[in-house]
């Protein structure tokens, strides 16, 4: 569904339906961290103040409900990692909903390697 909606190349998409990678990386998970963490409203506030709500406004008309393979995956936070071989150049673990890595910083790190 993600590939069809976004046009993201399927060959570049890593799928982890068993959450093995998420668990190994120690990424945040749970209702508390997804909806009731102080990081969530602070992340939205920062996005608004920095004028970074455009991406959310752009995707909402295309948003579709999705039921993950495992119920608890609905409350899984993600992260952003940049590797060069087996060396980690950048790592950000989303502490809560909307508390994502700064994409400009990620691009800077990725493109400078």
Protein backbone atom coordinates (compact mmCIF):
# COMPACT_ATOMS: atom_id res chain seq x y z
CA UNK A 1 0.00 0.00 0.00
CA UNK A 2 2.81 2.46 0.90
CA UNK A 3 4.51 2.05 -2.47
CA UNK A 4 1.27 2.60 -4.39
CA UNK A 5 0.27 5.69 -2.40
CA UNK A 6 3.69 7.38 -2.30
CA UNK A 7 5.40 6.17 -5.46
CA UNK A 8 8.43 5.19 -3.32
CA UNK A 9 10.55 2.59 -5.18
CA UNK A 10 9.70 -0.85 -3.79
CA UNK A 11 13.32 -1.98 -4.25
CA UNK A 12 14.43 0.69 -1.74
CA UNK A 13 11.88 -0.27 0.90
CA UNK A 14 12.89 -2.50 3.81
CA UNK A 15 9.94 -4.22 5.46
CA UNK A 16 10.18 -5.80 8.91
CA UNK A 17 6.79 -7.41 9.65
CA UNK A 18 8.17 -9.25 12.70
CA UNK A 19 9.68 -6.08 14.22
CA UNK A 20 13.07 -7.77 14.58
CA UNK A 21 14.99 -4.65 13.56
CA UNK A 22 12.83 -2.28 15.63
CA UNK A 23 13.37 -4.46 18.70
CA UNK A 24 17.12 -4.85 18.11
CA UNK A 25 17.51 -1.07 17.76
CA UNK A 26 15.50 -0.44 20.93
CA UNK A 27 13.03 1.90 19.21
CA UNK A 28 10.24 3.32 21.38
CA UNK A 29 6.95 1.46 21.46
CA UNK A 30 3.66 1.71 23.30
CA UNK A 31 0.52 3.77 23.73
CA UNK A 32 2.20 6.00 26.32
CA UNK A 33 5.07 6.96 24.05
CA UNK A 34 2.85 7.21 21.00
CA UNK A 35 0.10 9.44 22.38
CA UNK A 36 0.78 10.47 25.97
CA UNK A 37 4.44 11.47 25.95
CA UNK A 38 5.33 15.14 26.51
CA UNK A 39 7.56 14.78 23.45
CA UNK A 40 4.48 14.53 21.18
CA UNK A 41 2.93 17.99 21.75
CA UNK A 42 6.41 19.53 21.94
CA UNK A 43 7.30 17.98 18.57
CA UNK A 44 4.10 19.33 16.99
CA UNK A 45 4.75 22.76 18.54
CA UNK A 46 8.27 22.79 17.09
CA UNK A 47 6.99 21.75 13.65
CA UNK A 48 4.41 24.55 13.70
CA UNK A 49 6.93 27.16 14.87
CA UNK A 50 9.40 26.11 12.17
CA UNK A 51 6.75 26.05 9.45
CA UNK A 52 7.21 22.31 8.87
CA UNK A 53 3.55 21.26 8.82
CA UNK A 54 3.36 21.28 5.02
CA UNK A 55 4.34 17.63 4.69
CA UNK A 56 1.57 16.60 7.07
CA UNK A 57 -0.97 18.77 5.25
CA UNK A 58 0.16 17.24 1.96
CA UNK A 59 -0.17 13.61 3.05
CA UNK A 60 -3.46 13.84 4.99
CA UNK A 61 -5.72 13.82 1.89
CA UNK A 62 -4.03 10.55 0.83
CA UNK A 63 -3.93 9.00 4.31
CA UNK A 64 -5.69 5.66 4.63
CA UNK A 65 -6.30 3.53 7.73
CA UNK A 66 -3.95 0.56 7.90
CA UNK A 67 -4.05 -2.39 10.25
CA UNK A 68 -0.54 -3.72 10.93
CA UNK A 69 0.19 -7.46 11.01
CA UNK A 70 0.55 -7.31 14.81
CA UNK A 71 -1.71 -5.06 16.89
CA UNK A 72 1.10 -3.59 19.00
CA UNK A 73 2.88 -2.42 15.83
CA UNK A 74 0.36 0.42 15.63
CA UNK A 75 2.23 2.00 18.54
CA UNK A 76 5.76 1.50 17.19
CA UNK A 77 7.93 4.58 16.84
CA UNK A 78 10.58 4.66 14.17
CA UNK A 79 13.88 6.32 13.64
CA UNK A 80 16.37 7.42 11.04
CA UNK A 81 19.75 5.85 10.44
CA UNK A 82 22.45 6.58 7.89
CA UNK A 83 25.14 3.97 7.30
CA UNK A 84 28.37 3.87 5.38
CA UNK A 85 29.10 0.17 5.20
CA UNK A 86 28.79 -1.05 8.78
CA UNK A 87 29.58 2.37 10.28
CA UNK A 88 26.64 4.39 11.66
CA UNK A 89 26.98 8.00 10.48
CA UNK A 90 23.68 9.24 11.91
CA UNK A 91 21.16 7.81 14.35
CA UNK A 92 17.90 9.25 15.63
CA UNK A 93 15.29 7.26 17.56
CA UNK A 94 11.88 8.95 17.45
CA UNK A 95 10.92 9.38 21.12
CA UNK A 96 7.23 9.88 20.26
CA UNK A 97 4.75 10.73 17.52
CA UNK A 98 6.03 13.51 15.24
CA UNK A 99 9.41 13.74 17.00
CA UNK A 100 11.36 12.92 13.84
CA UNK A 101 14.94 13.58 12.85
CA UNK A 102 15.69 16.84 11.08
CA UNK A 103 15.63 15.79 7.42
CA UNK A 104 18.06 18.53 6.38
CA UNK A 105 20.60 17.22 8.90
CA UNK A 106 20.07 13.64 7.70
CA UNK A 107 20.57 14.71 4.07
CA UNK A 108 23.69 16.70 4.99
CA UNK A 109 25.23 13.66 6.74
CA UNK A 110 24.20 11.22 4.00
CA UNK A 111 25.44 13.38 1.15
CA UNK A 112 28.74 14.30 2.80
CA UNK A 113 29.87 10.69 3.14
